[in-house]
Amino acid sequence: MGAWGHEIFDNDAACDWLDSLLVRDDLSSIELALDKVNQSADSIDTATASAALAACETLARLRGRPGLHEASLDQLKHWTDHHNHLDTDHLVPLAMQTLARIQADDCQLKQQWQQSENFEKWVATVEDVARRIG
């Protein structure tokens, strides 16, 4: 993985997911990312979890509760500013379920973070997005 950090868009999988979002005018990218986590009977792989976290961050922003304001997220801000009219209420329970699965011990992303010195920062990032969605 080329990029790696505790913030949601600090990894390649999240950035790749963002690219797929930007070409759409609906919530299908968000729904798909959340569904992949929740429909998995196996452990959640790192890329799937990272994309789902990006979807959760996007959902929080669509609900008027943005997180970081970085220049690298200008495209996300632009997209959410132009799509904040979309009804996201039905996605909140799915997003909360997704975040719980990502924080479970069978999630490979969590396992990787547990082995790093920034695990607590990652946990705080995930908890922050959960608060902003709710």
N, C-alpha and C. Protein backbone atom coordinates (compact mmCIF):
# COMPACT_ATOMS: atom_id res chain seq x y z
N MET A 1 0.85 -1.17 0.00
CA MET A 1 0.00 0.00 0.00
C MET A 1 0.89 1.23 0.00
N GLY A 2 0.68 2.14 -0.92
CA GLY A 2 1.52 3.32 -1.04
C GLY A 2 1.28 4.35 0.04
N ALA A 3 0.03 4.72 0.26
CA ALA A 3 -0.30 5.72 1.28
C ALA A 3 -0.88 5.00 2.48
N TRP A 4 -0.51 5.47 3.66
CA TRP A 4 -1.00 4.81 4.86
C TRP A 4 -0.95 5.78 6.03
N GLY A 5 -2.10 6.07 6.61
CA GLY A 5 -2.19 6.95 7.78
C GLY A 5 -3.49 6.70 8.49
N HIS A 6 -3.63 7.24 9.69
CA HIS A 6 -4.79 6.93 10.52
C HIS A 6 -6.06 7.68 10.12
N GLU A 7 -5.94 8.72 9.32
CA GLU A 7 -7.15 9.42 8.85
C GLU A 7 -7.79 8.60 7.73
N ILE A 8 -9.05 8.80 7.51
CA ILE A 8 -9.82 7.93 6.61
C ILE A 8 -9.30 7.92 5.19
N PHE A 9 -8.91 9.06 4.65
CA PHE A 9 -8.45 9.10 3.27
C PHE A 9 -6.92 9.06 3.16
N ASP A 10 -6.27 8.54 4.18
CA ASP A 10 -4.81 8.40 4.18
C ASP A 10 -4.35 7.05 3.64
N ASN A 11 -5.14 6.44 2.78
CA ASN A 11 -4.71 5.17 2.18
C ASN A 11 -5.24 5.06 0.77
N ASP A 12 -4.59 4.25 0.00
CA ASP A 12 -4.90 4.12 -1.42
C ASP A 12 -6.30 3.58 -1.69
N ALA A 13 -6.76 2.62 -0.88
CA ALA A 13 -8.08 2.03 -1.11
C ALA A 13 -9.18 3.07 -0.96
N ALA A 14 -9.06 3.93 0.03
CA ALA A 14 -10.05 4.99 0.24
C ALA A 14 -10.02 6.00 -0.91
N CYS A 15 -8.83 6.32 -1.35
CA CYS A 15 -8.70 7.26 -2.48
C CYS A 15 -9.24 6.66 -3.77
N ASP A 16 -8.99 5.37 -3.97
CA ASP A 16 -9.56 4.70 -5.15
C ASP A 16 -11.08 4.70 -5.08
N TRP A 17 -11.63 4.46 -3.87
CA TRP A 17 -13.08 4.48 -3.71
C TRP A 17 -13.61 5.89 -4.03
N LEU A 18 -12.91 6.91 -3.57
CA LEU A 18 -13.34 8.28 -3.84
C LEU A 18 -13.43 8.54 -5.34
N ASP A 19 -12.46 8.04 -6.08
CA ASP A 19 -12.50 8.21 -7.54
C ASP A 19 -13.78 7.61 -8.13
N SER A 20 -14.21 6.47 -7.59
CA SER A 20 -15.44 5.85 -8.10
C SER A 20 -16.68 6.64 -7.71
N LEU A 21 -16.64 7.28 -6.57
CA LEU A 21 -17.77 8.12 -6.12
C LEU A 21 -17.93 9.34 -7.02
N LEU A 22 -16.83 9.97 -7.36
CA LEU A 22 -16.87 11.26 -8.05
C LEU A 22 -17.51 11.21 -9.43
N VAL A 23 -17.61 10.04 -10.02
CA VAL A 23 -18.21 9.92 -11.35
C VAL A 23 -19.70 9.59 -11.28
N ARG A 24 -20.25 9.54 -10.08
CA ARG A 24 -21.67 9.19 -9.91
C ARG A 24 -22.46 10.38 -9.38
N ASP A 25 -23.76 10.34 -9.62
CA ASP A 25 -24.65 11.37 -9.10
C ASP A 25 -25.68 10.79 -8.14
N ASP A 26 -25.34 9.65 -7.56
CA ASP A 26 -26.26 9.01 -6.62
C ASP A 26 -25.47 8.41 -5.46
N LEU A 27 -26.15 7.67 -4.62
CA LEU A 27 -25.53 7.09 -3.43
C LEU A 27 -25.05 5.66 -3.63
N SER A 28 -25.05 5.18 -4.86
CA SER A 28 -24.75 3.77 -5.11
C SER A 28 -23.34 3.36 -4.66
N SER A 29 -22.37 4.24 -4.79
CA SER A 29 -21.01 3.90 -4.33
C SER A 29 -20.97 3.73 -2.82
N ILE A 30 -21.69 4.57 -2.13
CA ILE A 30 -21.75 4.47 -0.66
C ILE A 30 -22.45 3.18 -0.27
N GLU A 31 -23.61 2.93 -0.87
CA GLU A 31 -24.38 1.73 -0.55
C GLU A 31 -23.57 0.46 -0.81
N LEU A 32 -22.88 0.42 -1.94
CA LEU A 32 -22.10 -0.75 -2.30
C LEU A 32 -20.97 -1.00 -1.30
N ALA A 33 -20.26 0.06 -0.92
CA ALA A 33 -19.16 -0.09 0.03
C ALA A 33 -19.65 -0.58 1.39
N LEU A 34 -20.78 -0.07 1.84
CA LEU A 34 -21.34 -0.50 3.12
C LEU A 34 -21.84 -1.93 3.04
N ASP A 35 -22.51 -2.26 1.94
CA ASP A 35 -23.03 -3.62 1.75
C ASP A 35 -21.91 -4.66 1.72
N LYS A 36 -20.79 -4.32 1.08
CA LYS A 36 -19.68 -5.29 1.00
C LYS A 36 -19.21 -5.72 2.39
N VAL A 37 -19.16 -4.78 3.31
CA VAL A 37 -18.75 -5.12 4.68
C VAL A 37 -19.83 -5.93 5.37
N ASN A 38 -21.05 -5.49 5.28
CA ASN A 38 -22.13 -6.12 6.03
C ASN A 38 -22.57 -7.46 5.47
N GLN A 39 -22.34 -7.71 4.21
CA GLN A 39 -22.74 -8.98 3.61
C GLN A 39 -21.63 -10.02 3.66
N SER A 40 -20.46 -9.62 4.13
CA SER A 40 -19.33 -10.55 4.20
C SER A 40 -19.50 -11.50 5.38
N ALA A 41 -19.42 -12.79 5.09
CA ALA A 41 -19.49 -13.80 6.15
C ALA A 41 -18.09 -14.09 6.69
N ASP A 42 -17.09 -13.65 5.95
CA ASP A 42 -15.70 -13.89 6.34
C ASP A 42 -15.12 -12.65 7.00
N SER A 43 -13.85 -12.70 7.28
CA SER A 43 -13.19 -11.52 7.82
C SER A 43 -13.19 -10.43 6.75
N ILE A 44 -13.18 -9.20 7.19
CA ILE A 44 -13.23 -8.06 6.28
C ILE A 44 -11.80 -7.70 5.90
N ASP A 45 -11.51 -7.69 4.60
CA ASP A 45 -10.15 -7.36 4.18
C ASP A 45 -9.90 -5.86 4.30
N THR A 46 -8.65 -5.50 4.28
CA THR A 46 -8.23 -4.12 4.51
C THR A 46 -8.81 -3.15 3.48
N ALA A 47 -8.77 -3.49 2.22
CA ALA A 47 -9.26 -2.59 1.17
C ALA A 47 -10.76 -2.37 1.30
N THR A 48 -11.50 -3.42 1.58
CA THR A 48 -12.96 -3.31 1.74
C THR A 48 -13.30 -2.43 2.93
N ALA A 49 -12.60 -2.62 4.03
CA ALA A 49 -12.85 -1.81 5.22
C ALA A 49 -12.48 -0.35 4.98
N SER A 50 -11.37 -0.11 4.30
CA SER A 50 -10.94 1.26 4.01
C SER A 50 -11.94 1.98 3.12
N ALA A 51 -12.46 1.29 2.11
CA ALA A 51 -13.46 1.89 1.23
C ALA A 51 -14.74 2.18 2.00
N ALA A 52 -15.12 1.29 2.89
CA ALA A 52 -16.33 1.50 3.68
C ALA A 52 -16.16 2.68 4.64
N LEU A 53 -14.99 2.84 5.21
CA LEU A 53 -14.74 4.01 6.07
C LEU A 53 -14.85 5.29 5.25
N ALA A 54 -14.35 5.27 4.02
CA ALA A 54 -14.47 6.44 3.15
C ALA A 54 -15.94 6.73 2.85
N ALA A 55 -16.71 5.68 2.65
CA ALA A 55 -18.15 5.85 2.41
C ALA A 55 -18.83 6.44 3.64
N CYS A 56 -18.42 5.99 4.82
CA CYS A 56 -18.99 6.53 6.06
C CYS A 56 -18.63 8.01 6.23
N GLU A 57 -17.41 8.36 5.95
CA GLU A 57 -17.00 9.77 6.02
C GLU A 57 -17.82 10.60 5.04
N THR A 58 -18.03 10.08 3.85
CA THR A 58 -18.83 10.80 2.85
C THR A 58 -20.26 10.96 3.33
N LEU A 59 -20.80 9.93 3.93
CA LEU A 59 -22.16 10.01 4.48
C LEU A 59 -22.24 11.09 5.56
N ALA A 60 -21.26 11.14 6.44
CA ALA A 60 -21.25 12.18 7.48
C ALA A 60 -21.23 13.56 6.86
N ARG A 61 -20.44 13.72 5.83
CA ARG A 61 -20.37 15.02 5.14
C ARG A 61 -21.69 15.36 4.46
N LEU A 62 -22.33 14.39 3.86
CA LEU A 62 -23.63 14.62 3.23
C LEU A 62 -24.67 15.04 4.26
N ARG A 63 -24.49 14.59 5.49
CA ARG A 63 -25.42 14.93 6.57
C ARG A 63 -25.04 16.23 7.26
N GLY A 64 -24.06 16.96 6.68
CA GLY A 64 -23.68 18.27 7.20
C GLY A 64 -22.71 18.23 8.36
N ARG A 65 -21.99 17.12 8.50
CA ARG A 65 -21.05 16.97 9.62
C ARG A 65 -19.68 16.54 9.11
N PRO A 66 -19.00 17.46 8.41
CA PRO A 66 -17.69 17.10 7.84
C PRO A 66 -16.62 16.92 8.91
N GLY A 67 -15.62 16.16 8.54
CA GLY A 67 -14.46 15.97 9.41
C GLY A 67 -13.35 16.90 8.98
N LEU A 68 -12.24 16.33 8.59
CA LEU A 68 -11.08 17.12 8.19
C LEU A 68 -11.37 18.02 7.00
N HIS A 69 -10.73 19.16 6.98
CA HIS A 69 -10.82 20.08 5.84
C HIS A 69 -9.42 20.22 5.26
N GLU A 70 -9.06 19.32 4.37
CA GLU A 70 -7.74 19.33 3.76
C GLU A 70 -7.87 19.60 2.28
N ALA A 71 -6.87 20.20 1.71
CA ALA A 71 -6.90 20.49 0.27
C ALA A 71 -7.09 19.21 -0.53
N SER A 72 -6.55 18.11 -0.06
CA SER A 72 -6.67 16.85 -0.79
C SER A 72 -8.11 16.34 -0.82
N LEU A 73 -8.96 16.90 0.01
CA LEU A 73 -10.36 16.48 0.05
C LEU A 73 -11.29 17.48 -0.64
N ASP A 74 -10.72 18.40 -1.40
CA ASP A 74 -11.54 19.40 -2.09
C ASP A 74 -12.55 18.76 -3.03
N GLN A 75 -12.17 17.69 -3.72
CA GLN A 75 -13.10 17.02 -4.64
C GLN A 75 -14.25 16.39 -3.87
N LEU A 76 -13.97 15.82 -2.71
CA LEU A 76 -15.03 15.25 -1.89
C LEU A 76 -15.97 16.34 -1.40
N LYS A 77 -15.42 17.45 -0.96
CA LYS A 77 -16.24 18.57 -0.51
C LYS A 77 -17.13 19.06 -1.65
N HIS A 78 -16.56 19.20 -2.81
CA HIS A 78 -17.34 19.64 -3.97
C HIS A 78 -18.48 18.66 -4.25
N TRP A 79 -18.19 17.36 -4.26
CA TRP A 79 -19.21 16.36 -4.54
C TRP A 79 -20.30 16.40 -3.49
N THR A 80 -19.93 16.43 -2.21
CA THR A 80 -20.96 16.42 -1.16
C THR A 80 -21.75 17.73 -1.16
N ASP A 81 -21.12 18.85 -1.46
CA ASP A 81 -21.85 20.12 -1.54
C ASP A 81 -22.92 20.08 -2.63
N HIS A 82 -22.66 19.34 -3.71
CA HIS A 82 -23.60 19.28 -4.84
C HIS A 82 -24.58 18.10 -4.75
N HIS A 83 -24.41 17.27 -3.73
CA HIS A 83 -25.29 16.11 -3.58
C HIS A 83 -25.92 16.04 -2.19
N ASN A 84 -25.81 17.10 -1.41
CA ASN A 84 -26.34 17.06 -0.04
C ASN A 84 -27.87 17.07 0.01
N HIS A 85 -28.52 17.19 -1.12
CA HIS A 85 -29.97 17.10 -1.20
C HIS A 85 -30.46 15.65 -1.19
N LEU A 86 -29.56 14.70 -1.42
CA LEU A 86 -29.94 13.29 -1.46
C LEU A 86 -30.33 12.80 -0.06
N ASP A 87 -31.37 11.99 0.01
CA ASP A 87 -31.83 11.46 1.29
C ASP A 87 -30.89 10.34 1.75
N THR A 88 -30.27 10.55 2.90
CA THR A 88 -29.30 9.59 3.42
C THR A 88 -29.79 8.87 4.67
N ASP A 89 -30.98 9.20 5.15
CA ASP A 89 -31.45 8.63 6.42
C ASP A 89 -31.44 7.10 6.42
N HIS A 90 -31.80 6.49 5.30
CA HIS A 90 -31.86 5.02 5.24
C HIS A 90 -30.47 4.37 5.34
N LEU A 91 -29.41 5.16 5.12
CA LEU A 91 -28.05 4.61 5.17
C LEU A 91 -27.44 4.65 6.57
N VAL A 92 -28.01 5.42 7.46
CA VAL A 92 -27.41 5.58 8.80
C VAL A 92 -27.31 4.24 9.54
N PRO A 93 -28.38 3.45 9.66
CA PRO A 93 -28.24 2.17 10.37
C PRO A 93 -27.21 1.25 9.71
N LEU A 94 -27.18 1.23 8.39
CA LEU A 94 -26.22 0.40 7.66
C LEU A 94 -24.79 0.87 7.93
N ALA A 95 -24.59 2.17 7.96
CA ALA A 95 -23.26 2.73 8.25
C ALA A 95 -22.82 2.39 9.67
N MET A 96 -23.73 2.47 10.62
CA MET A 96 -23.37 2.17 12.00
C MET A 96 -23.02 0.68 12.15
N GLN A 97 -23.76 -0.16 11.45
CA GLN A 97 -23.45 -1.59 11.45
C GLN A 97 -22.08 -1.83 10.80
N THR A 98 -21.80 -1.13 9.74
CA THR A 98 -20.52 -1.23 9.05
C THR A 98 -19.37 -0.86 9.98
N LEU A 99 -19.53 0.24 10.68
CA LEU A 99 -18.48 0.70 11.59
C LEU A 99 -18.25 -0.31 12.72
N ALA A 100 -19.31 -0.93 13.19
CA ALA A 100 -19.16 -1.95 14.23
C ALA A 100 -18.39 -3.15 13.68
N ARG A 101 -18.67 -3.54 12.45
CA ARG A 101 -17.94 -4.66 11.84
C ARG A 101 -16.47 -4.33 11.64
N ILE A 102 -16.18 -3.09 11.26
CA ILE A 102 -14.79 -2.67 11.05
C ILE A 102 -14.02 -2.65 12.37
N GLN A 103 -14.71 -2.38 13.45
CA GLN A 103 -14.06 -2.35 14.76
C GLN A 103 -13.99 -3.73 15.42
N ALA A 104 -14.54 -4.75 14.76
CA ALA A 104 -14.52 -6.11 15.30
C ALA A 104 -13.14 -6.74 15.08
N ASP A 105 -12.87 -7.75 15.86
CA ASP A 105 -11.54 -8.38 15.83
C ASP A 105 -11.25 -9.13 14.54
N ASP A 106 -12.28 -9.46 13.74
CA ASP A 106 -12.02 -10.20 12.50
C ASP A 106 -11.80 -9.28 11.30
N CYS A 107 -11.68 -7.99 11.53
CA CYS A 107 -11.40 -7.04 10.45
C CYS A 107 -9.89 -6.90 10.29
N GLN A 108 -9.40 -7.17 9.10
CA GLN A 108 -7.96 -7.11 8.86
C GLN A 108 -7.40 -5.71 9.03
N LEU A 109 -8.19 -4.69 8.71
CA LEU A 109 -7.72 -3.31 8.90
C LEU A 109 -7.48 -3.04 10.38
N LYS A 110 -8.41 -3.44 11.21
CA LYS A 110 -8.22 -3.26 12.66
C LYS A 110 -6.99 -4.05 13.13
N GLN A 111 -6.84 -5.26 12.65
CA GLN A 111 -5.70 -6.08 13.05
C GLN A 111 -4.38 -5.39 12.70
N GLN A 112 -4.33 -4.78 11.51
CA GLN A 112 -3.12 -4.07 11.11
C GLN A 112 -2.85 -2.88 12.02
N TRP A 113 -3.91 -2.15 12.33
CA TRP A 113 -3.73 -0.98 13.20
C TRP A 113 -3.35 -1.38 14.61
N GLN A 114 -3.82 -2.51 15.08
CA GLN A 114 -3.47 -2.97 16.43
C GLN A 114 -1.97 -3.21 16.56
N GLN A 115 -1.31 -3.47 15.45
CA GLN A 115 0.12 -3.72 15.47
C GLN A 115 0.95 -2.45 15.30
N SER A 116 0.29 -1.32 15.22
CA SER A 116 1.01 -0.06 15.02
C SER A 116 0.96 0.81 16.27
N GLU A 117 1.83 1.78 16.29
CA GLU A 117 1.85 2.71 17.42
C GLU A 117 0.73 3.74 17.34
N ASN A 118 0.02 3.78 16.21
CA ASN A 118 -1.07 4.75 16.02
C ASN A 118 -2.45 4.13 16.14
N PHE A 119 -2.54 2.97 16.78
CA PHE A 119 -3.83 2.29 16.91
C PHE A 119 -4.87 3.19 17.58
N GLU A 120 -4.53 3.85 18.66
CA GLU A 120 -5.49 4.69 19.37
C GLU A 120 -5.96 5.86 18.50
N LYS A 121 -5.08 6.39 17.67
CA LYS A 121 -5.49 7.46 16.75
C LYS A 121 -6.48 6.93 15.72
N TRP A 122 -6.23 5.73 15.22
CA TRP A 122 -7.16 5.13 14.27
C TRP A 122 -8.51 4.89 14.91
N VAL A 123 -8.52 4.34 16.11
CA VAL A 123 -9.78 4.10 16.83
C VAL A 123 -10.53 5.42 17.01
N ALA A 124 -9.83 6.48 17.38
CA ALA A 124 -10.46 7.79 17.56
C ALA A 124 -11.06 8.30 16.25
N THR A 125 -10.39 8.05 15.14
CA THR A 125 -10.89 8.46 13.84
C THR A 125 -12.19 7.73 13.51
N VAL A 126 -12.22 6.42 13.74
CA VAL A 126 -13.42 5.62 13.47
C VAL A 126 -14.56 6.06 14.39
N GLU A 127 -14.27 6.29 15.65
CA GLU A 127 -15.31 6.73 16.59
C GLU A 127 -15.82 8.12 16.23
N ASP A 128 -14.94 8.97 15.73
CA ASP A 128 -15.35 10.32 15.32
C ASP A 128 -16.35 10.26 14.16
N VAL A 129 -16.05 9.47 13.16
CA VAL A 129 -16.98 9.41 12.03
C VAL A 129 -18.31 8.80 12.47
N ALA A 130 -18.28 7.86 13.38
CA ALA A 130 -19.54 7.28 13.91
C ALA A 130 -20.38 8.35 14.60
N ARG A 131 -19.75 9.19 15.39
CA ARG A 131 -20.47 10.28 16.07
C ARG A 131 -21.08 11.25 15.06
N ARG A 132 -20.34 11.55 14.01
CA ARG A 132 -20.82 12.51 13.04
C ARG A 132 -21.93 11.95 12.15
N ILE A 133 -21.96 10.66 11.96
CA ILE A 133 -23.06 10.07 11.19
C ILE A 133 -24.35 10.04 12.00
N GLY A 134 -24.22 9.71 13.27
CA GLY A 134 -25.39 9.50 14.13
C GLY A 134 -26.23 10.69 14.42
